[in-house]
Amino acid sequence: MKMLLAVLILILFGLQYKLWFGDGSLSEVVQLSRELESQKQRLRELEERNKILEAQVLDLQNGLDAFEEKARNDLGMIKQGETFIQLIPPAADSGNER
């Protein structure tokens, strides 16, 4: 009976060791779960970026308005015959009030 009890205790310790420190241990599962969530978040960010890029591609394919808008916004270009007016905000006072 003592021998059976000793064997069962050894089996129990062996299984506990595998549970806590072996392949597929609880700590490894927790670490992989965290990594999975991180990858899912990255995937969501990339999917959102792809949607924006897809919308830009469709705009560029459907007409010159998108080209013109991009040139105006990014490069500051104006059409022929237009007058460029730049508004400069007033400089902040340096505390010299009269």
N, C-alpha and C. Protein backbone atom coordinates (compact mmCIF):
# COMPACT_ATOMS: atom_id res chain seq x y z
N MET A 1 0.82 -1.19 0.00
CA MET A 1 0.00 0.00 0.00
C MET A 1 0.87 1.27 0.00
N LYS A 2 1.97 1.21 0.79
CA LYS A 2 2.87 2.36 0.82
C LYS A 2 3.51 2.59 -0.55
N MET A 3 3.81 1.51 -1.23
CA MET A 3 4.42 1.63 -2.56
C MET A 3 3.44 2.28 -3.54
N LEU A 4 2.18 1.90 -3.49
CA LEU A 4 1.16 2.48 -4.37
C LEU A 4 0.98 3.97 -4.07
N LEU A 5 0.97 4.31 -2.79
CA LEU A 5 0.83 5.71 -2.39
C LEU A 5 2.04 6.52 -2.88
N ALA A 6 3.24 5.97 -2.77
CA ALA A 6 4.44 6.67 -3.22
C ALA A 6 4.41 6.86 -4.73
N VAL A 7 3.96 5.86 -5.48
CA VAL A 7 3.86 5.96 -6.93
C VAL A 7 2.83 7.02 -7.31
N LEU A 8 1.70 7.03 -6.64
CA LEU A 8 0.67 8.04 -6.93
C LEU A 8 1.16 9.46 -6.63
N ILE A 9 1.91 9.60 -5.55
CA ILE A 9 2.46 10.92 -5.21
C ILE A 9 3.48 11.35 -6.25
N LEU A 10 4.31 10.44 -6.70
CA LEU A 10 5.28 10.76 -7.76
C LEU A 10 4.58 11.16 -9.05
N ILE A 11 3.53 10.45 -9.40
CA ILE A 11 2.75 10.80 -10.60
C ILE A 11 2.13 12.19 -10.44
N LEU A 12 1.59 12.46 -9.26
CA LEU A 12 1.00 13.77 -8.98
C LEU A 12 2.04 14.88 -9.14
N PHE A 13 3.22 14.68 -8.55
CA PHE A 13 4.28 15.69 -8.68
C PHE A 13 4.73 15.83 -10.13
N GLY A 14 4.80 14.73 -10.85
CA GLY A 14 5.18 14.80 -12.26
C GLY A 14 4.18 15.59 -13.07
N LEU A 15 2.90 15.36 -12.82
CA LEU A 15 1.86 16.10 -13.55
C LEU A 15 1.85 17.57 -13.16
N GLN A 16 2.07 17.86 -11.88
CA GLN A 16 2.12 19.25 -11.44
C GLN A 16 3.31 19.97 -12.06
N TYR A 17 4.45 19.29 -12.12
CA TYR A 17 5.62 19.89 -12.75
C TYR A 17 5.33 20.23 -14.20
N LYS A 18 4.71 19.31 -14.92
CA LYS A 18 4.39 19.55 -16.34
C LYS A 18 3.39 20.70 -16.47
N LEU A 19 2.42 20.77 -15.55
CA LEU A 19 1.42 21.83 -15.59
C LEU A 19 2.06 23.20 -15.40
N TRP A 20 3.00 23.33 -14.49
CA TRP A 20 3.57 24.63 -14.17
C TRP A 20 4.80 24.98 -14.99
N PHE A 21 5.60 23.99 -15.41
CA PHE A 21 6.88 24.31 -16.04
C PHE A 21 7.09 23.69 -17.41
N GLY A 22 6.28 22.73 -17.83
CA GLY A 22 6.51 22.03 -19.09
C GLY A 22 5.91 22.75 -20.28
N ASP A 23 5.95 22.08 -21.44
CA ASP A 23 5.33 22.63 -22.64
C ASP A 23 3.84 22.80 -22.41
N GLY A 24 3.31 23.93 -22.80
CA GLY A 24 1.88 24.19 -22.63
C GLY A 24 1.54 24.53 -21.19
N SER A 25 2.53 24.99 -20.42
CA SER A 25 2.29 25.33 -19.02
C SER A 25 1.38 26.56 -18.93
N LEU A 26 0.88 26.80 -17.74
CA LEU A 26 -0.02 27.93 -17.55
C LEU A 26 0.66 29.26 -17.87
N SER A 27 1.90 29.42 -17.48
CA SER A 27 2.60 30.68 -17.77
C SER A 27 2.79 30.87 -19.27
N GLU A 28 3.05 29.80 -19.98
CA GLU A 28 3.21 29.89 -21.43
C GLU A 28 1.88 30.24 -22.10
N VAL A 29 0.80 29.67 -21.59
CA VAL A 29 -0.53 29.96 -22.14
C VAL A 29 -0.88 31.43 -21.92
N VAL A 30 -0.59 31.96 -20.74
CA VAL A 30 -0.87 33.37 -20.45
C VAL A 30 -0.04 34.27 -21.36
N GLN A 31 1.24 33.93 -21.52
CA GLN A 31 2.12 34.73 -22.38
C GLN A 31 1.64 34.70 -23.82
N LEU A 32 1.23 33.54 -24.31
CA LEU A 32 0.74 33.44 -25.68
C LEU A 32 -0.59 34.18 -25.85
N SER A 33 -1.42 34.18 -24.82
CA SER A 33 -2.68 34.93 -24.89
C SER A 33 -2.42 36.42 -25.01
N ARG A 34 -1.45 36.91 -24.25
CA ARG A 34 -1.09 38.34 -24.35
C ARG A 34 -0.55 38.67 -25.74
N GLU A 35 0.30 37.80 -26.25
CA GLU A 35 0.86 38.03 -27.58
C GLU A 35 -0.24 38.00 -28.64
N LEU A 36 -1.21 37.11 -28.49
CA LEU A 36 -2.33 37.02 -29.42
C LEU A 36 -3.14 38.31 -29.42
N GLU A 37 -3.42 38.85 -28.24
CA GLU A 37 -4.16 40.11 -28.16
C GLU A 37 -3.38 41.25 -28.81
N SER A 38 -2.08 41.26 -28.61
CA SER A 38 -1.24 42.29 -29.23
C SER A 38 -1.30 42.18 -30.75
N GLN A 39 -1.23 40.98 -31.27
CA GLN A 39 -1.30 40.76 -32.71
C GLN A 39 -2.68 41.13 -33.26
N LYS A 40 -3.73 40.84 -32.50
CA LYS A 40 -5.08 41.22 -32.94
C LYS A 40 -5.22 42.73 -33.03
N GLN A 41 -4.66 43.45 -32.04
CA GLN A 41 -4.71 44.91 -32.06
C GLN A 41 -3.95 45.45 -33.26
N ARG A 42 -2.79 44.90 -33.53
CA ARG A 42 -2.00 45.32 -34.69
C ARG A 42 -2.76 45.06 -35.99
N LEU A 43 -3.44 43.92 -36.05
CA LEU A 43 -4.24 43.57 -37.23
C LEU A 43 -5.37 44.58 -37.43
N ARG A 44 -6.04 44.97 -36.34
CA ARG A 44 -7.11 45.97 -36.46
C ARG A 44 -6.57 47.29 -36.99
N GLU A 45 -5.40 47.71 -36.48
CA GLU A 45 -4.79 48.96 -36.94
C GLU A 45 -4.45 48.88 -38.43
N LEU A 46 -3.89 47.75 -38.85
CA LEU A 46 -3.52 47.60 -40.26
C LEU A 46 -4.76 47.53 -41.15
N GLU A 47 -5.83 46.90 -40.68
CA GLU A 47 -7.07 46.85 -41.46
C GLU A 47 -7.65 48.25 -41.64
N GLU A 48 -7.59 49.06 -40.59
CA GLU A 48 -8.09 50.44 -40.68
C GLU A 48 -7.24 51.23 -41.67
N ARG A 49 -5.93 51.05 -41.60
CA ARG A 49 -5.04 51.74 -42.54
C ARG A 49 -5.32 51.31 -43.97
N ASN A 50 -5.57 50.01 -44.17
CA ASN A 50 -5.87 49.52 -45.51
C ASN A 50 -7.18 50.11 -46.04
N LYS A 51 -8.17 50.28 -45.16
CA LYS A 51 -9.43 50.89 -45.60
C LYS A 51 -9.20 52.32 -46.08
N ILE A 52 -8.38 53.06 -45.35
CA ILE A 52 -8.09 54.44 -45.74
C ILE A 52 -7.35 54.47 -47.08
N LEU A 53 -6.37 53.59 -47.21
CA LEU A 53 -5.61 53.55 -48.47
C LEU A 53 -6.49 53.11 -49.63
N GLU A 54 -7.39 52.17 -49.38
CA GLU A 54 -8.31 51.72 -50.44
C GLU A 54 -9.22 52.86 -50.88
N ALA A 55 -9.70 53.65 -49.92
CA ALA A 55 -10.55 54.79 -50.27
C ALA A 55 -9.77 55.80 -51.10
N GLN A 56 -8.50 56.02 -50.76
CA GLN A 56 -7.68 56.95 -51.54
C GLN A 56 -7.45 56.42 -52.94
N VAL A 57 -7.22 55.13 -53.08
CA VAL A 57 -7.01 54.54 -54.41
C VAL A 57 -8.27 54.70 -55.25
N LEU A 58 -9.42 54.43 -54.66
CA LEU A 58 -10.68 54.57 -55.40
C LEU A 58 -10.90 56.02 -55.82
N ASP A 59 -10.57 56.96 -54.94
CA ASP A 59 -10.70 58.37 -55.29
C ASP A 59 -9.79 58.72 -56.46
N LEU A 60 -8.57 58.22 -56.40
CA LEU A 60 -7.61 58.52 -57.47
C LEU A 60 -8.02 57.88 -58.79
N GLN A 61 -8.65 56.72 -58.74
CA GLN A 61 -9.07 56.04 -59.96
C GLN A 61 -10.30 56.71 -60.57
N ASN A 62 -11.12 57.37 -59.76
CA ASN A 62 -12.39 57.88 -60.24
C ASN A 62 -12.34 59.30 -60.77
N GLY A 63 -11.23 59.96 -60.72
CA GLY A 63 -11.23 61.30 -61.30
C GLY A 63 -10.05 62.13 -60.89
N LEU A 64 -9.98 63.30 -61.51
CA LEU A 64 -8.88 64.21 -61.26
C LEU A 64 -9.10 65.07 -60.02
N ASP A 65 -10.32 65.07 -59.51
CA ASP A 65 -10.59 65.89 -58.32
C ASP A 65 -9.70 65.47 -57.15
N ALA A 66 -9.48 64.18 -57.01
CA ALA A 66 -8.64 63.70 -55.92
C ALA A 66 -7.20 64.13 -56.12
N PHE A 67 -6.71 64.10 -57.38
CA PHE A 67 -5.35 64.56 -57.66
C PHE A 67 -5.22 66.04 -57.29
N GLU A 68 -6.21 66.81 -57.70
CA GLU A 68 -6.18 68.25 -57.43
C GLU A 68 -6.21 68.52 -55.94
N GLU A 69 -7.08 67.82 -55.23
CA GLU A 69 -7.18 68.02 -53.79
C GLU A 69 -5.87 67.66 -53.09
N LYS A 70 -5.27 66.55 -53.49
CA LYS A 70 -4.00 66.13 -52.90
C LYS A 70 -2.90 67.14 -53.20
N ALA A 71 -2.86 67.64 -54.42
CA ALA A 71 -1.84 68.63 -54.79
C ALA A 71 -2.03 69.92 -53.99
N ARG A 72 -3.26 70.33 -53.83
CA ARG A 72 -3.53 71.55 -53.07
C ARG A 72 -3.15 71.39 -51.59
N ASN A 73 -3.55 70.27 -51.01
CA ASN A 73 -3.30 70.07 -49.58
C ASN A 73 -1.84 69.78 -49.28
N ASP A 74 -1.25 68.87 -50.02
CA ASP A 74 0.11 68.42 -49.69
C ASP A 74 1.19 69.33 -50.25
N LEU A 75 0.98 69.87 -51.43
CA LEU A 75 2.03 70.63 -52.10
C LEU A 75 1.76 72.13 -52.13
N GLY A 76 0.56 72.56 -51.71
CA GLY A 76 0.24 73.99 -51.71
C GLY A 76 0.10 74.57 -53.10
N MET A 77 -0.30 73.76 -54.06
CA MET A 77 -0.42 74.21 -55.45
C MET A 77 -1.73 74.98 -55.65
N ILE A 78 -1.71 75.88 -56.63
CA ILE A 78 -2.91 76.63 -56.98
C ILE A 78 -3.13 76.51 -58.48
N LYS A 79 -4.37 76.77 -58.91
CA LYS A 79 -4.70 76.72 -60.34
C LYS A 79 -4.22 78.00 -61.03
N GLN A 80 -4.09 77.88 -62.33
CA GLN A 80 -3.71 79.05 -63.12
C GLN A 80 -4.85 80.06 -63.04
N GLY A 81 -4.52 81.31 -62.78
CA GLY A 81 -5.51 82.37 -62.68
C GLY A 81 -6.00 82.60 -61.26
N GLU A 82 -5.65 81.73 -60.34
CA GLU A 82 -6.03 81.92 -58.94
C GLU A 82 -4.99 82.79 -58.25
N THR A 83 -5.43 83.45 -57.20
CA THR A 83 -4.52 84.27 -56.40
C THR A 83 -4.31 83.57 -55.06
N PHE A 84 -3.06 83.41 -54.70
CA PHE A 84 -2.73 82.74 -53.45
C PHE A 84 -2.72 83.77 -52.33
N ILE A 85 -3.49 83.51 -51.29
CA ILE A 85 -3.53 84.39 -50.12
C ILE A 85 -3.22 83.54 -48.91
N GLN A 86 -2.22 83.96 -48.15
CA GLN A 86 -1.85 83.23 -46.94
C GLN A 86 -2.14 84.11 -45.74
N LEU A 87 -2.93 83.59 -44.82
CA LEU A 87 -3.25 84.32 -43.61
C LEU A 87 -2.29 83.89 -42.51
N ILE A 88 -1.64 84.86 -41.91
CA ILE A 88 -0.70 84.57 -40.84
C ILE A 88 -1.34 85.03 -39.53
N PRO A 89 -1.46 84.12 -38.58
CA PRO A 89 -2.08 84.53 -37.31
C PRO A 89 -1.19 85.53 -36.58
N PRO A 90 -1.79 86.43 -35.82
CA PRO A 90 -0.99 87.43 -35.11
C PRO A 90 -0.07 86.73 -34.11
N ALA A 91 1.11 87.31 -33.94
CA ALA A 91 2.08 86.74 -33.01
C ALA A 91 1.57 86.91 -31.59
N ALA A 92 1.82 85.94 -30.77
CA ALA A 92 1.39 86.02 -29.36
C ALA A 92 2.23 87.06 -28.66
N ASP A 93 1.56 87.87 -27.84
CA ASP A 93 2.28 88.92 -27.07
C ASP A 93 3.20 88.24 -26.06
N SER A 94 4.31 88.87 -25.83
CA SER A 94 5.29 88.31 -24.88
C SER A 94 5.08 88.89 -23.49
N GLY A 95 3.87 89.35 -23.20
CA GLY A 95 3.55 89.86 -21.87
C GLY A 95 3.77 91.36 -21.75
N ASN A 96 4.03 92.06 -22.83
CA ASN A 96 4.25 93.51 -22.80
C ASN A 96 2.95 94.23 -23.08
N GLU A 97 2.10 94.32 -22.08
CA GLU A 97 0.84 95.03 -22.26
C GLU A 97 1.02 96.47 -21.78
N ARG A 98 0.28 97.40 -22.40
CA ARG A 98 0.43 98.82 -22.03
C ARG A 98 -0.68 99.23 -21.15
